[in-house]
Protein backbone atom coordinates (compact mmCIF):
# COMPACT_ATOMS: atom_id res chain seq x y z
CA UNK A 1 24.75 15.83 15.19
CA UNK A 2 26.97 16.75 12.22
CA UNK A 3 25.39 17.91 9.13
CA UNK A 4 25.42 15.29 6.48
CA UNK A 5 27.63 16.52 3.49
CA UNK A 6 25.90 16.63 0.22
CA UNK A 7 27.21 14.12 -2.20
CA UNK A 8 28.55 15.48 -5.39
CA UNK A 9 27.26 14.41 -8.71
CA UNK A 10 29.35 12.77 -11.19
CA UNK A 11 29.18 15.85 -13.43
CA UNK A 12 30.50 18.09 -10.61
CA UNK A 13 33.18 15.71 -9.79
CA UNK A 14 34.26 15.63 -13.46
CA UNK A 15 34.06 19.40 -13.78
CA UNK A 16 36.31 19.71 -10.62
CA UNK A 17 38.84 17.28 -12.06
CA UNK A 18 38.92 19.06 -15.34
CA UNK A 19 39.42 22.36 -13.64
CA UNK A 20 42.31 20.86 -11.57
CA UNK A 21 43.88 19.29 -14.60
CA UNK A 22 43.68 22.60 -16.40
CA UNK A 23 45.35 24.44 -13.59
CA UNK A 24 48.05 21.79 -13.36
CA UNK A 25 48.70 21.94 -17.08
CA UNK A 26 48.87 25.73 -17.01
CA UNK A 27 51.32 25.71 -14.16
CA UNK A 28 53.40 23.06 -15.96
CA UNK A 29 53.28 25.04 -19.24
CA UNK A 30 54.27 28.25 -17.31
CA UNK A 31 57.34 26.48 -15.72
CA UNK A 32 58.38 25.22 -19.03
CA UNK A 33 58.38 28.63 -20.54
CA UNK A 34 60.35 29.94 -17.65
CA UNK A 35 62.88 27.14 -18.02
CA UNK A 36 63.11 27.78 -21.87
CA UNK A 37 63.97 31.44 -21.15
CA UNK A 38 66.69 30.37 -18.74
CA UNK A 39 68.29 27.67 -21.05
CA UNK A 40 70.10 29.89 -23.54
CA UNK A 41 71.82 31.86 -20.81
CA UNK A 42 72.67 28.91 -18.85
CA UNK A 43 74.06 27.15 -22.08
CA UNK A 44 76.11 30.22 -22.85
CA UNK A 45 77.46 30.34 -19.41
CA UNK A 46 78.31 26.65 -19.55
CA UNK A 47 80.15 27.17 -22.85
CA UNK A 48 81.95 30.14 -21.49
CA UNK A 49 83.12 28.14 -18.41
CA UNK A 50 84.11 25.27 -20.62
CA UNK A 51 86.14 27.44 -22.89
CA UNK A 52 87.88 29.11 -20.08
CA UNK A 53 88.69 25.72 -18.49
CA UNK A 54 90.10 24.33 -21.74
CA UNK A 55 92.36 27.47 -22.12
CA UNK A 56 93.66 27.13 -18.60
CA UNK A 57 94.36 23.45 -19.12
CA UNK A 58 96.21 24.15 -22.33
CA UNK A 59 98.28 26.86 -20.80
CA UNK A 60 99.11 24.66 -17.84
CA UNK A 61 100.07 21.78 -20.08
CA UNK A 62 102.20 24.08 -22.18
CA UNK A 63 103.89 25.60 -19.16
CA UNK A 64 104.61 22.08 -17.71
CA UNK A 65 106.05 21.03 -21.12
CA UNK A 66 108.13 24.21 -21.24
CA UNK A 67 109.44 23.71 -17.72
CA UNK A 68 110.58 20.12 -18.38
CA UNK A 69 112.02 20.90 -21.72
CA UNK A 70 114.03 23.60 -19.94
CA UNK A 71 115.51 21.04 -17.65
CA UNK A 72 116.84 19.03 -20.46
CA UNK A 73 120.42 19.77 -21.60
CA UNK A 74 120.93 20.65 -25.23
CA UNK A 75 123.55 19.06 -27.45
CA UNK A 76 126.89 20.91 -27.66
CA UNK A 77 128.43 18.53 -30.14
CA UNK A 78 126.80 15.65 -31.92
CA UNK A 79 128.57 12.71 -33.46
CA UNK A 80 127.73 9.00 -32.47
CA UNK A 81 125.09 8.39 -29.92
CA UNK A 82 127.11 7.73 -26.81
CA UNK A 83 129.50 5.14 -28.25
CA UNK A 84 131.04 2.58 -25.98
CA UNK A 85 133.50 4.65 -24.00
CA UNK A 86 136.76 2.89 -25.00
CA UNK A 87 139.97 4.05 -26.62
CA UNK A 88 142.30 6.83 -25.79
CA UNK A 89 140.83 10.11 -24.68
CA UNK A 90 141.40 13.02 -27.09
CA UNK A 91 143.88 15.36 -25.82
CA UNK A 92 143.33 19.13 -25.77
CA UNK A 93 144.77 22.22 -24.40
CA UNK A 94 143.14 25.44 -23.18
CA UNK A 95 144.02 28.63 -21.33
CA UNK A 96 142.28 28.70 -17.92
CA UNK A 97 140.93 31.90 -16.49
CA UNK A 98 144.22 32.58 -14.65
CA UNK A 99 145.91 32.79 -18.02
CA UNK A 100 147.81 29.40 -17.64
CA UNK A 101 147.87 27.17 -20.60
CA UNK A 102 146.79 23.64 -19.45
CA UNK A 103 146.98 20.35 -21.51
CA UNK A 104 144.81 17.43 -20.73
CA UNK A 105 147.63 14.88 -21.04
CA UNK A 106 149.59 16.54 -18.29
CA UNK A 107 147.16 14.72 -15.96
CA UNK A 108 147.96 11.27 -17.49
CA UNK A 109 148.26 8.74 -14.62
CA UNK A 110 145.27 10.30 -12.73
CA UNK A 111 141.49 9.83 -13.01
CA UNK A 112 140.29 12.79 -14.86
CA UNK A 113 136.75 14.35 -14.91
CA UNK A 114 136.06 16.59 -17.72
CA UNK A 115 132.94 18.72 -17.42
CA UNK A 116 131.47 20.42 -20.47
CA UNK A 117 129.50 23.57 -19.61
CA UNK A 118 127.56 26.12 -21.85
CA UNK A 119 126.48 29.52 -20.69
CA UNK A 120 122.80 30.67 -21.06
CA UNK A 121 123.57 33.70 -23.14
CA UNK A 122 126.20 36.20 -22.12
CA UNK A 123 124.71 36.95 -18.64
CA UNK A 124 126.71 34.22 -16.99
CA UNK A 125 123.55 32.34 -16.14
CA UNK A 126 123.83 28.61 -16.03
CA UNK A 127 121.33 25.92 -17.06
CA UNK A 128 120.01 23.83 -14.14
CA UNK A 129 122.09 20.79 -15.09
CA UNK A 130 125.33 22.75 -14.73
CA UNK A 131 124.26 24.20 -11.37
CA UNK A 132 123.98 20.55 -10.29
CA UNK A 133 127.14 19.35 -11.91
CA UNK A 134 129.24 22.14 -10.42
CA UNK A 135 127.88 21.50 -6.94
CA UNK A 136 128.57 17.79 -7.08
CA UNK A 137 132.02 18.45 -8.63
CA UNK A 138 132.74 20.74 -5.64
CA UNK A 139 131.95 17.85 -3.30
CA UNK A 140 134.09 15.42 -5.21
CA UNK A 141 136.95 17.86 -5.24
CA UNK A 142 136.77 18.19 -1.56
CA UNK A 143 137.22 14.49 -1.29
CA UNK A 144 140.00 14.03 -3.94
CA UNK A 145 141.62 17.33 -4.94
CA UNK A 146 145.06 17.89 -3.52
CA UNK A 147 145.80 14.10 -3.11
CA UNK A 148 147.41 13.80 -6.49
CA UNK A 149 145.11 11.01 -7.88
CA UNK A 150 142.21 12.98 -9.41
CA UNK A 151 142.02 15.98 -11.67
CA UNK A 152 138.88 17.93 -12.61
CA UNK A 153 138.50 20.11 -15.64
CA UNK A 154 135.66 22.32 -16.60
CA UNK A 155 135.46 23.27 -20.19
CA UNK A 156 133.16 26.23 -20.90
CA UNK A 157 131.69 26.85 -24.28
CA UNK A 158 131.12 30.62 -24.66
CA UNK A 159 131.87 33.24 -27.42
CA UNK A 160 130.78 36.25 -25.49
CA UNK A 161 132.95 39.38 -24.78
CA UNK A 162 134.23 39.46 -21.23
CA UNK A 163 133.95 35.58 -20.82
CA UNK A 164 136.90 35.43 -18.36
CA UNK A 165 135.11 37.85 -16.13
CA UNK A 166 131.88 35.80 -16.18
CA UNK A 167 133.85 32.64 -15.64
CA UNK A 168 135.64 34.16 -12.70
CA UNK A 169 132.36 35.15 -11.14
CA UNK A 170 131.19 31.47 -11.65
CA UNK A 171 134.47 30.29 -10.09
CA UNK A 172 133.93 32.36 -6.97
CA UNK A 173 130.18 31.51 -6.63
CA UNK A 174 130.92 27.75 -6.83
CA UNK A 175 134.22 27.93 -5.11
CA UNK A 176 135.90 26.16 -8.03
CA UNK A 177 139.51 25.16 -7.22
CA UNK A 178 140.05 23.00 -10.33
CA UNK A 179 140.82 23.97 -13.92
CA UNK A 180 138.24 26.22 -15.53
CA UNK A 181 138.75 27.55 -19.06
CA UNK A 182 136.99 28.39 -22.31
CA UNK A 183 137.13 26.19 -25.43
CA UNK A 184 136.55 29.35 -27.46
CA UNK A 185 139.68 31.15 -26.08
CA UNK A 186 141.26 30.64 -29.52
CA UNK A 187 138.04 31.46 -31.38
CA UNK A 188 137.68 27.64 -32.28
CA UNK A 189 135.59 24.95 -30.74
CA UNK A 190 138.32 22.39 -31.18
CA UNK A 191 137.81 20.66 -27.76
CA UNK A 192 134.15 20.11 -28.27
CA UNK A 193 134.73 18.96 -31.86
CA UNK A 194 137.39 16.45 -30.64
CA UNK A 195 134.76 14.85 -28.33
CA UNK A 196 131.87 14.95 -30.79
CA UNK A 197 131.92 11.13 -31.24
CA UNK A 198 130.46 11.03 -27.62
CA UNK A 199 127.59 13.31 -28.39
CA UNK A 200 128.50 15.78 -25.68
CA UNK A 201 125.54 17.50 -24.20
CA UNK A 202 125.48 20.62 -21.98
CA UNK A 203 126.50 19.38 -18.50
CA UNK A 204 128.17 16.17 -19.72
CA UNK A 205 131.01 14.72 -17.53
CA UNK A 206 133.56 12.44 -19.20
CA UNK A 207 135.64 10.26 -16.91
CA UNK A 208 139.09 9.26 -18.17
CA UNK A 209 141.08 6.58 -16.45
CA UNK A 210 144.75 6.55 -15.44
CA UNK A 211 145.68 4.87 -18.74
CA UNK A 212 144.09 8.07 -20.45
CA UNK A 213 141.12 6.06 -21.87
CA UNK A 214 137.60 7.30 -21.75
CA UNK A 215 135.89 5.11 -18.94
CA UNK A 216 132.46 6.68 -18.57
CA UNK A 217 130.23 9.35 -20.07
CA UNK A 218 127.51 11.00 -18.02
CA UNK A 219 125.10 13.01 -20.15
CA UNK A 220 122.54 13.58 -17.38
CA UNK A 221 122.65 15.08 -13.88
CA UNK A 222 124.87 13.15 -11.51
CA UNK A 223 125.37 12.78 -7.83
CA UNK A 224 128.62 13.32 -6.04
CA UNK A 225 128.25 9.86 -4.36
CA UNK A 226 127.78 8.12 -7.79
CA UNK A 227 130.78 10.05 -9.29
CA UNK A 228 133.03 9.37 -6.34
CA UNK A 229 132.03 5.68 -6.43
CA UNK A 230 133.08 5.47 -10.08
CA UNK A 231 136.31 7.39 -9.45
CA UNK A 232 137.08 5.08 -6.57
CA UNK A 233 136.67 2.04 -8.75
CA UNK A 234 138.91 3.42 -11.42
CA UNK A 235 141.60 4.18 -8.82
CA UNK A 236 141.50 0.70 -7.56
CA UNK A 237 141.93 -0.86 -11.04
CA UNK A 238 145.38 0.71 -11.37
């Protein structure tokens, strides 16, 4: 027969409860003290991580902004803000890189695409917009050049020594078979100035119809399909 457990008195029960409470309180206090010691270090680490994250975010945002700003073309000549492209196209002449003097009005009766291009410094490097425009013009030239209906002219804006050599390298790289010359060959920017009313930007392509009137001004990157389509429309009008 199991031995009957002695019943605890009220005082003993209370004493045990008080002891348990004291132990629990001491354990809780000890845990709080340990937590308090950890807090400053944890807080410092959190602030450090937050600071690093903010710096990375700022640098990423700045880098993204710089990239997209770099894709934008810069104005070469500013006049009006892309006025309605009507009226007779300003005539000009320039010496191409082969040494031949070329006048724009000698192409009257054709659809003419005049491409304005700036060099990025004197290294011969092109801005992205001109890399695109030259590739698209090469495709357009493959479709129309040699048929007597369309003429392409690229006008460079460069004042560096040895510009002809640089332009020759660009001609060879992009397989340019159309007129390529430098506006500054006479130490003047008279061609750019004559088109200033159209707010010419780097990479701008001006389309001139067969009546020698400005028909369209493209200041952004363009595709060969779009340019060919517009040229086709102008050819049908005549």
